Amino acid sequence: MSYHDHITPTTERTHSIPPRQIGPVYDARRLVDPAGTAMIVLDDKTYQLRITRAGKLILTK
């Protein structure tokens, strides 16, 4: 999947969402490739989203 692909928010609710949540909700595992990484572009900067072996998310520039 490239960063040009459109990802639609998941409707599956496997975790409770705080009542003040106002934006779309995405399952991080659906965003990443089999290696656990995804590239995210904001303006002209590219960031890498990675799921660690411990199940944590890391976003790096």
PDB file of N, CA and C in Angstrom:
ATOM      1  N   MET A   1       0.849  -1.174   0.000  1.00  0.00           N
ATOM      2  CA  MET A   1       0.000   0.000   0.000  1.00  0.00           C
ATOM      3  C   MET A   1       0.891   1.232   0.000  1.00  0.00           C
ATOM      4  N   SER A   2       0.628   2.180  -0.850  1.00  0.00           N
ATOM      5  CA  SER A   2       1.409   3.404  -0.879  1.00  0.00           C
ATOM      6  C   SER A   2       0.675   4.489  -0.114  1.00  0.00           C
ATOM      7  N   TYR A   3       1.369   5.597   0.135  1.00  0.00           N
ATOM      8  CA  TYR A   3       0.715   6.676   0.870  1.00  0.00           C
ATOM      9  C   TYR A   3      -0.333   7.372   0.020  1.00  0.00           C
ATOM     10  N   HIS A   4      -0.410   7.046  -1.266  1.00  0.00           N
ATOM     11  CA  HIS A   4      -1.429   7.624  -2.125  1.00  0.00           C
ATOM     12  C   HIS A   4      -2.773   6.908  -1.974  1.00  0.00           C
ATOM     13  N   ASP A   5      -2.758   5.697  -1.442  1.00  0.00           N
ATOM     14  CA  ASP A   5      -3.997   4.945  -1.266  1.00  0.00           C
ATOM     15  C   ASP A   5      -4.857   5.604  -0.201  1.00  0.00           C
ATOM     16  N   HIS A   6      -6.153   5.589  -0.427  1.00  0.00           N
ATOM     17  CA  HIS A   6      -7.088   6.166   0.539  1.00  0.00           C
ATOM     18  C   HIS A   6      -7.485   5.094   1.541  1.00  0.00           C
ATOM     19  N   ILE A   7      -7.369   5.395   2.798  1.00  0.00           N
ATOM     20  CA  ILE A   7      -7.762   4.477   3.863  1.00  0.00           C
ATOM     21  C   ILE A   7      -9.050   5.006   4.473  1.00  0.00           C
ATOM     22  N   THR A   8     -10.064   4.179   4.498  1.00  0.00           N
ATOM     23  CA  THR A   8     -11.305   4.599   5.129  1.00  0.00           C
ATOM     24  C   THR A   8     -11.292   4.186   6.595  1.00  0.00           C
ATOM     25  N   PRO A   9     -11.890   4.999   7.446  1.00  0.00           N
ATOM     26  CA  PRO A   9     -11.917   4.649   8.872  1.00  0.00           C
ATOM     27  C   PRO A   9     -12.651   3.333   9.085  1.00  0.00           C
ATOM     28  N   THR A  10     -12.201   2.592  10.059  1.00  0.00           N
ATOM     29  CA  THR A  10     -12.859   1.333  10.382  1.00  0.00           C
ATOM     30  C   THR A  10     -14.123   1.588  11.185  1.00  0.00           C
ATOM     31  N   THR A  11     -15.112   0.763  10.969  1.00  0.00           N
ATOM     32  CA  THR A  11     -16.334   0.866  11.771  1.00  0.00           C
ATOM     33  C   THR A  11     -16.323  -0.144  12.895  1.00  0.00           C
ATOM     34  N   GLU A  12     -15.295  -1.008  12.899  1.00  0.00           N
ATOM     35  CA  GLU A  12     -15.175  -1.998  13.959  1.00  0.00           C
ATOM     36  C   GLU A  12     -14.725  -1.305  15.239  1.00  0.00           C
ATOM     37  N   ARG A  13     -15.393  -1.581  16.309  1.00  0.00           N
ATOM     38  CA  ARG A  13     -15.052  -0.966  17.599  1.00  0.00           C
ATOM     39  C   ARG A  13     -14.523  -2.050  18.524  1.00  0.00           C
ATOM     40  N   THR A  14     -13.209  -2.250  18.500  1.00  0.00           N
ATOM     41  CA  THR A  14     -12.625  -3.257  19.368  1.00  0.00           C
ATOM     42  C   THR A  14     -12.119  -2.646  20.669  1.00  0.00           C
ATOM     43  N   HIS A  15     -11.990  -1.339  20.708  1.00  0.00           N
ATOM     44  CA  HIS A  15     -11.555  -0.629  21.905  1.00  0.00           C
ATOM     45  C   HIS A  15     -12.573   0.463  22.198  1.00  0.00           C
ATOM     46  N   SER A  16     -12.659   0.830  23.464  1.00  0.00           N
ATOM     47  CA  SER A  16     -13.587   1.915  23.784  1.00  0.00           C
ATOM     48  C   SER A  16     -12.965   3.240  23.363  1.00  0.00           C
ATOM     49  N   ILE A  17     -13.771   4.103  22.809  1.00  0.00           N
ATOM     50  CA  ILE A  17     -13.334   5.412  22.353  1.00  0.00           C
ATOM     51  C   ILE A  17     -13.808   6.441  23.375  1.00  0.00           C
ATOM     52  N   PRO A  18     -12.903   7.313  23.830  1.00  0.00           N
ATOM     53  CA  PRO A  18     -13.320   8.345  24.789  1.00  0.00           C
ATOM     54  C   PRO A  18     -14.447   9.194  24.201  1.00  0.00           C
ATOM     55  N   PRO A  19     -15.400   9.628  25.016  1.00  0.00           N
ATOM     56  CA  PRO A  19     -16.529  10.416  24.520  1.00  0.00           C
ATOM     57  C   PRO A  19     -16.115  11.683  23.789  1.00  0.00           C
ATOM     58  N   ARG A  20     -14.978  12.266  24.115  1.00  0.00           N
ATOM     59  CA  ARG A  20     -14.569  13.520  23.474  1.00  0.00           C
ATOM     60  C   ARG A  20     -13.902  13.297  22.118  1.00  0.00           C
ATOM     61  N   GLN A  21     -13.744  12.038  21.690  1.00  0.00           N
ATOM     62  CA  GLN A  21     -13.150  11.730  20.387  1.00  0.00           C
ATOM     63  C   GLN A  21     -14.006  12.364  19.295  1.00  0.00           C
ATOM     64  N   ILE A  22     -13.415  13.239  18.470  1.00  0.00           N
ATOM     65  CA  ILE A  22     -14.207  13.924  17.452  1.00  0.00           C
ATOM     66  C   ILE A  22     -13.753  13.616  16.036  1.00  0.00           C
ATOM     67  N   GLY A  23     -12.573  13.059  15.857  1.00  0.00           N
ATOM     68  CA  GLY A  23     -12.069  12.775  14.521  1.00  0.00           C
ATOM     69  C   GLY A  23     -12.301  11.337  14.126  1.00  0.00           C
ATOM     70  N   PRO A  24     -11.873  10.986  12.910  1.00  0.00           N
ATOM     71  CA  PRO A  24     -12.008   9.594  12.478  1.00  0.00           C
ATOM     72  C   PRO A  24     -11.117   8.679  13.310  1.00  0.00           C
ATOM     73  N   VAL A  25     -11.490   7.411  13.398  1.00  0.00           N
ATOM     74  CA  VAL A  25     -10.737   6.421  14.153  1.00  0.00           C
ATOM     75  C   VAL A  25     -10.166   5.405  13.178  1.00  0.00           C
ATOM     76  N   TYR A  26      -8.868   5.131  13.269  1.00  0.00           N
ATOM     77  CA  TYR A  26      -8.199   4.190  12.389  1.00  0.00           C
ATOM     78  C   TYR A  26      -7.549   3.090  13.210  1.00  0.00           C
ATOM     79  N   ASP A  27      -7.648   1.862  12.742  1.00  0.00           N
ATOM     80  CA  ASP A  27      -6.946   0.748  13.355  1.00  0.00           C
ATOM     81  C   ASP A  27      -5.524   0.772  12.779  1.00  0.00           C
ATOM     82  N   ALA A  28      -4.518   0.994  13.611  1.00  0.00           N
ATOM     83  CA  ALA A  28      -3.135   1.138  13.150  1.00  0.00           C
ATOM     84  C   ALA A  28      -2.662  -0.093  12.380  1.00  0.00           C
ATOM     85  N   ARG A  29      -3.112  -1.267  12.754  1.00  0.00           N
ATOM     86  CA  ARG A  29      -2.674  -2.486  12.050  1.00  0.00           C
ATOM     87  C   ARG A  29      -3.199  -2.547  10.623  1.00  0.00           C
ATOM     88  N   ARG A  30      -4.288  -1.840  10.331  1.00  0.00           N
ATOM     89  CA  ARG A  30      -4.799  -1.791   8.962  1.00  0.00           C
ATOM     90  C   ARG A  30      -4.043  -0.763   8.125  1.00  0.00           C
ATOM     91  N   LEU A  31      -3.333   0.145   8.780  1.00  0.00           N
ATOM     92  CA  LEU A  31      -2.583   1.176   8.062  1.00  0.00           C
ATOM     93  C   LEU A  31      -1.199   0.708   7.630  1.00  0.00           C
ATOM     94  N   VAL A  32      -0.628  -0.237   8.362  1.00  0.00           N
ATOM     95  CA  VAL A  32       0.763  -0.617   8.126  1.00  0.00           C
ATOM     96  C   VAL A  32       0.877  -1.831   7.209  1.00  0.00           C
ATOM     97  N   ASP A  33       2.088  -2.016   6.660  1.00  0.00           N
ATOM     98  CA  ASP A  33       2.368  -3.179   5.826  1.00  0.00           C
ATOM     99  C   ASP A  33       2.674  -4.382   6.714  1.00  0.00           C
ATOM    100  N   PRO A  34       2.935  -5.551   6.129  1.00  0.00           N
ATOM    101  CA  PRO A  34       3.222  -6.743   6.949  1.00  0.00           C
ATOM    102  C   PRO A  34       4.428  -6.573   7.885  1.00  0.00           C
ATOM    103  N   ALA A  35       5.345  -5.683   7.542  1.00  0.00           N
ATOM    104  CA  ALA A  35       6.497  -5.424   8.408  1.00  0.00           C
ATOM    105  C   ALA A  35       6.148  -4.491   9.563  1.00  0.00           C
ATOM    106  N   GLY A  36       4.937  -3.921   9.552  1.00  0.00           N
ATOM    107  CA  GLY A  36       4.516  -3.042  10.646  1.00  0.00           C
ATOM    108  C   GLY A  36       4.851  -1.584  10.448  1.00  0.00           C
ATOM    109  N   THR A  37       5.078  -1.153   9.204  1.00  0.00           N
ATOM    110  CA  THR A  37       5.414   0.249   8.957  1.00  0.00           C
ATOM    111  C   THR A  37       4.502   0.859   7.900  1.00  0.00           C
ATOM    112  N   ALA A  38       4.353   2.177   7.975  1.00  0.00           N
ATOM    113  CA  ALA A  38       3.599   2.942   6.985  1.00  0.00           C
ATOM    114  C   ALA A  38       4.237   4.319   6.877  1.00  0.00           C
ATOM    115  N   MET A  39       4.153   4.891   5.705  1.00  0.00           N
ATOM    116  CA  MET A  39       4.644   6.250   5.496  1.00  0.00           C
ATOM    117  C   MET A  39       3.434   7.182   5.510  1.00  0.00           C
ATOM    118  N   ILE A  40       3.571   8.293   6.225  1.00  0.00           N
ATOM    119  CA  ILE A  40       2.499   9.278   6.337  1.00  0.00           C
ATOM    120  C   ILE A  40       3.059  10.616   5.874  1.00  0.00           C
ATOM    121  N   VAL A  41       2.334  11.281   4.977  1.00  0.00           N
ATOM    122  CA  VAL A  41       2.790  12.553   4.431  1.00  0.00           C
ATOM    123  C   VAL A  41       1.928  13.675   4.982  1.00  0.00           C
ATOM    124  N   LEU A  42       2.589  14.713   5.473  1.00  0.00           N
ATOM    125  CA  LEU A  42       1.921  15.925   5.928  1.00  0.00           C
ATOM    126  C   LEU A  42       2.610  17.092   5.248  1.00  0.00           C
ATOM    127  N   ASP A  43       1.859  17.812   4.421  1.00  0.00           N
ATOM    128  CA  ASP A  43       2.425  18.870   3.593  1.00  0.00           C
ATOM    129  C   ASP A  43       3.547  18.268   2.751  1.00  0.00           C
ATOM    130  N   ASP A  44       4.772  18.724   2.899  1.00  0.00           N
ATOM    131  CA  ASP A  44       5.863  18.163   2.088  1.00  0.00           C
ATOM    132  C   ASP A  44       6.810  17.300   2.918  1.00  0.00           C
ATOM    133  N   LYS A  45       6.371  16.906   4.102  1.00  0.00           N
ATOM    134  CA  LYS A  45       7.214  16.086   4.979  1.00  0.00           C
ATOM    135  C   LYS A  45       6.658  14.678   5.083  1.00  0.00           C
ATOM    136  N   THR A  46       7.553  13.692   5.060  1.00  0.00           N
ATOM    137  CA  THR A  46       7.162  12.290   5.163  1.00  0.00           C
ATOM    138  C   THR A  46       7.592  11.744   6.519  1.00  0.00           C
ATOM    139  N   TYR A  47       6.682  11.057   7.180  1.00  0.00           N
ATOM    140  CA  TYR A  47       6.920  10.464   8.488  1.00  0.00           C
ATOM    141  C   TYR A  47       6.739   8.957   8.378  1.00  0.00           C
ATOM    142  N   GLN A  48       7.418   8.220   9.243  1.00  0.00           N
ATOM    143  CA  GLN A  48       7.254   6.774   9.280  1.00  0.00           C
ATOM    144  C   GLN A  48       6.516   6.400  10.565  1.00  0.00           C
ATOM    145  N   LEU A  49       5.433   5.657  10.403  1.00  0.00           N
ATOM    146  CA  LEU A  49       4.690   5.107  11.531  1.00  0.00           C
ATOM    147  C   LEU A  49       5.104   3.651  11.657  1.00  0.00           C
ATOM    148  N   ARG A  50       5.488   3.242  12.853  1.00  0.00           N
ATOM    149  CA  ARG A  50       5.956   1.870  13.050  1.00  0.00           C
ATOM    150  C   ARG A  50       5.336   1.289  14.312  1.00  0.00           C
ATOM    151  N   ILE A  51       4.928   0.019  14.213  1.00  0.00           N
ATOM    152  CA  ILE A  51       4.459  -0.712  15.383  1.00  0.00           C
ATOM    153  C   ILE A  51       5.645  -1.535  15.889  1.00  0.00           C
ATOM    154  N   THR A  52       6.016  -1.353  17.142  1.00  0.00           N
ATOM    155  CA  THR A  52       7.151  -2.068  17.712  1.00  0.00           C
ATOM    156  C   THR A  52       6.764  -3.491  18.086  1.00  0.00           C
ATOM    157  N   ARG A  53       7.762  -4.307  18.407  1.00  0.00           N
ATOM    158  CA  ARG A  53       7.491  -5.679  18.854  1.00  0.00           C
ATOM    159  C   ARG A  53       6.668  -5.692  20.129  1.00  0.00           C
ATOM    160  N   ALA A  54       6.782  -4.634  20.916  1.00  0.00           N
ATOM    161  CA  ALA A  54       6.031  -4.535  22.172  1.00  0.00           C
ATOM    162  C   ALA A  54       4.616  -4.006  21.943  1.00  0.00           C
ATOM    163  N   GLY A  55       4.266  -3.715  20.673  1.00  0.00           N
ATOM    164  CA  GLY A  55       2.922  -3.238  20.371  1.00  0.00           C
ATOM    165  C   GLY A  55       2.716  -1.753  20.567  1.00  0.00           C
ATOM    166  N   LYS A  56       3.794  -1.007  20.608  1.00  0.00           N
ATOM    167  CA  LYS A  56       3.709   0.460  20.755  1.00  0.00           C
ATOM    168  C   LYS A  56       3.841   1.101  19.376  1.00  0.00           C
ATOM    169  N   LEU A  57       3.348   2.335  19.253  1.00  0.00           N
ATOM    170  CA  LEU A  57       3.474   3.084  18.014  1.00  0.00           C
ATOM    171  C   LEU A  57       4.601   4.107  18.120  1.00  0.00           C
ATOM    172  N   ILE A  58       5.385   4.208  17.064  1.00  0.00           N
ATOM    173  CA  ILE A  58       6.438   5.212  16.991  1.00  0.00           C
ATOM    174  C   ILE A  58       6.259   5.967  15.676  1.00  0.00           C
ATOM    175  N   LEU A  59       6.251   7.285  15.738  1.00  0.00           N
ATOM    176  CA  LEU A  59       6.165   8.139  14.562  1.00  0.00           C
ATOM    177  C   LEU A  59       7.452   8.931  14.470  1.00  0.00           C
ATOM    178  N   THR A  60       8.193   8.746  13.372  1.00  0.00           N
ATOM    179  CA  THR A  60       9.468   9.451  13.213  1.00  0.00           C
ATOM    180  C   THR A  60       9.485  10.207  11.905  1.00  0.00           C
ATOM    181  N   LYS A  61      10.272  11.269  11.877  1.00  0.00           N
ATOM    182  CA  LYS A  61      10.412  12.104  10.694  1.00  0.00           C
ATOM    183  C   LYS A  61      11.506  11.556   9.814  1.00  0.00           C
TER     184      LYS A  61
END
